[in-house]
Amino acid sequence: MKINQLAKQADVPAKTIRYYEEIGLLKPAERADNGYRIYRDADVHTLLFIRRCRDLQISLEDIKTMIAAQADDSAPCANVDNIIKQQLERVRVARDELNKLEQSLTMLANSCKRNKVSECGILHKLTGD
């Protein structure tokens, strides 16, 4: 299949496919006599895997590691387990930071009971007054 067909099947822009090839995340496509890239069904599966990983905000480097791990069926999956555990920890840290941000914004939102900017509790707190 051509790159546009692959892009449609995997729901990924053709530009992204070229980029993934460039950085070694996707194997370079074979070329037809006319220079067009030729892709296989396996490329669709790889792109879907990459897209799912990106949906989980897994880094491209970690995705590359997981793709390499898939090449050896008998290899231990400890690296893959660690990648997921580390990503889970990053998500938990981000969640905690967002909770703190929410609390700060809630406090600010509740600190202004005035109608004039000169008496605005939000602005006073943000300027350190």
Protein backbone atom coordinates (compact mmCIF):
# COMPACT_ATOMS: atom_id res chain seq x y z
CA MET A 1 0.00 0.00 0.00
CA LYS A 2 1.06 3.62 -0.49
CA ILE A 3 1.73 6.06 2.32
CA ASN A 4 -1.67 7.75 2.02
CA GLN A 5 -3.43 4.40 2.33
CA LEU A 6 -1.33 3.55 5.38
CA ALA A 7 -2.04 6.96 6.88
CA LYS A 8 -5.76 6.45 6.43
CA GLN A 9 -5.79 2.92 7.88
CA ALA A 10 -3.70 3.90 10.91
CA ASP A 11 -5.36 7.31 11.28
CA VAL A 12 -1.94 9.00 11.30
CA PRO A 13 -0.80 11.85 9.03
CA ALA A 14 1.60 10.87 6.24
CA LYS A 15 4.03 13.46 7.57
CA THR A 16 4.10 11.60 10.90
CA ILE A 17 4.82 8.32 9.13
CA ARG A 18 7.79 9.91 7.36
CA TYR A 19 9.01 11.30 10.67
CA TYR A 20 8.72 7.92 12.39
CA GLU A 21 10.78 6.39 9.59
CA GLU A 22 13.36 9.17 9.91
CA ILE A 23 13.86 8.59 13.64
CA GLY A 24 13.89 4.80 13.32
CA LEU A 25 10.57 4.13 15.01
CA LEU A 26 9.13 2.62 11.85
CA LYS A 27 11.19 0.52 9.45
CA PRO A 28 11.93 2.39 6.22
CA ALA A 29 9.49 1.40 3.52
CA GLU A 30 10.51 -0.42 0.41
CA ARG A 31 10.39 1.67 -2.74
CA ALA A 32 8.56 0.91 -5.95
CA ASP A 33 10.21 1.55 -9.31
CA ASN A 34 8.45 4.92 -9.43
CA GLY A 35 9.91 5.89 -6.02
CA TYR A 36 6.70 5.54 -4.05
CA ARG A 37 6.94 3.98 -0.62
CA ILE A 38 5.37 0.55 -0.30
CA TYR A 39 3.96 -0.48 3.08
CA ARG A 40 2.68 -3.75 4.46
CA ASP A 41 -0.04 -4.74 6.94
CA ALA A 42 2.63 -5.06 9.63
CA ASP A 43 3.27 -1.33 9.27
CA VAL A 44 -0.39 -0.63 10.05
CA HIS A 45 -0.10 -2.69 13.23
CA THR A 46 3.12 -0.90 14.23
CA LEU A 47 1.55 2.51 13.66
CA LEU A 48 -1.53 1.57 15.68
CA PHE A 49 0.75 0.41 18.49
CA ILE A 50 2.69 3.70 18.34
CA ARG A 51 -0.52 5.72 18.31
CA ARG A 52 -1.89 3.87 21.36
CA CYS A 53 1.39 4.45 23.19
CA ARG A 54 1.33 8.14 22.26
CA ASP A 55 -2.24 8.34 23.57
CA LEU A 56 -0.75 7.19 26.88
CA GLN A 57 1.90 9.91 26.50
CA ILE A 58 4.72 7.38 26.35
CA SER A 59 7.88 8.92 24.93
CA LEU A 60 9.09 8.05 21.46
CA GLU A 61 12.30 6.64 22.93
CA ASP A 62 10.32 4.32 25.21
CA ILE A 63 8.10 3.29 22.31
CA LYS A 64 11.23 2.46 20.33
CA THR A 65 12.38 0.24 23.22
CA MET A 66 9.02 -1.54 23.32
CA ILE A 67 9.01 -2.09 19.56
CA ALA A 68 12.50 -3.58 19.79
CA ALA A 69 11.35 -5.84 22.63
CA GLN A 70 8.59 -7.22 20.41
CA ALA A 71 11.19 -8.47 17.96
CA ASP A 72 12.31 -11.19 20.43
CA ASP A 73 9.38 -13.28 21.65
CA SER A 74 11.50 -15.04 24.26
CA ALA A 75 12.96 -11.88 25.81
CA PRO A 76 11.82 -10.93 29.31
CA CYS A 77 9.30 -8.11 29.45
CA ALA A 78 10.95 -6.32 32.41
CA ASN A 79 11.89 -3.32 30.25
CA VAL A 80 8.31 -2.95 29.06
CA ASP A 81 7.01 -3.32 32.61
CA ASN A 82 9.42 -0.63 33.81
CA ILE A 83 8.42 1.76 31.04
CA ILE A 84 4.76 1.45 32.00
CA LYS A 85 5.48 1.77 35.72
CA GLN A 86 7.58 4.89 35.12
CA GLN A 87 4.86 6.40 32.95
CA LEU A 88 2.29 5.63 35.62
CA GLU A 89 4.46 7.43 38.18
CA ARG A 90 4.80 10.45 35.87
CA VAL A 91 1.01 10.55 35.52
CA ARG A 92 0.59 10.38 39.30
CA VAL A 93 3.05 13.24 39.81
CA ALA A 94 1.27 15.30 37.14
CA ARG A 95 -2.08 14.56 38.79
CA ASP A 96 -0.75 15.72 42.16
CA GLU A 97 0.62 18.90 40.59
CA LEU A 98 -2.73 19.55 38.90
CA ASN A 99 -4.52 19.04 42.23
CA LYS A 100 -2.23 21.64 43.84
CA LEU A 101 -2.85 23.99 40.92
CA GLU A 102 -6.60 23.49 41.29
CA GLN A 103 -6.40 24.30 45.00
CA SER A 104 -4.40 27.47 44.34
CA LEU A 105 -6.79 28.63 41.65
CA THR A 106 -9.80 27.84 43.84
CA MET A 107 -8.29 29.90 46.65
CA LEU A 108 -7.68 32.78 44.24
CA ALA A 109 -11.16 32.53 42.75
CA ASN A 110 -12.66 32.75 46.22
CA SER A 111 -10.45 35.59 47.39
CA CYS A 112 -12.15 38.40 45.50
CA LYS A 113 -15.38 39.71 46.99
CA ARG A 114 -15.05 43.26 45.71
CA ASN A 115 -16.39 45.01 42.64
CA LYS A 116 -13.41 47.29 42.01
CA VAL A 117 -10.05 46.33 40.58
CA SER A 118 -8.34 48.44 43.23
CA GLU A 119 -9.84 46.15 45.90
CA CYS A 120 -9.50 42.86 43.96
CA GLY A 121 -8.24 40.09 46.23
CA ILE A 122 -6.99 38.05 43.28
CA LEU A 123 -4.79 40.84 41.97
CA HIS A 124 -3.55 41.70 45.49
CA LYS A 125 -2.54 38.09 46.12
CA LEU A 126 -0.83 37.75 42.72
CA THR A 127 1.13 40.97 43.18
CA GLY A 128 2.11 40.06 46.73
CA ASP A 129 0.23 42.97 48.35
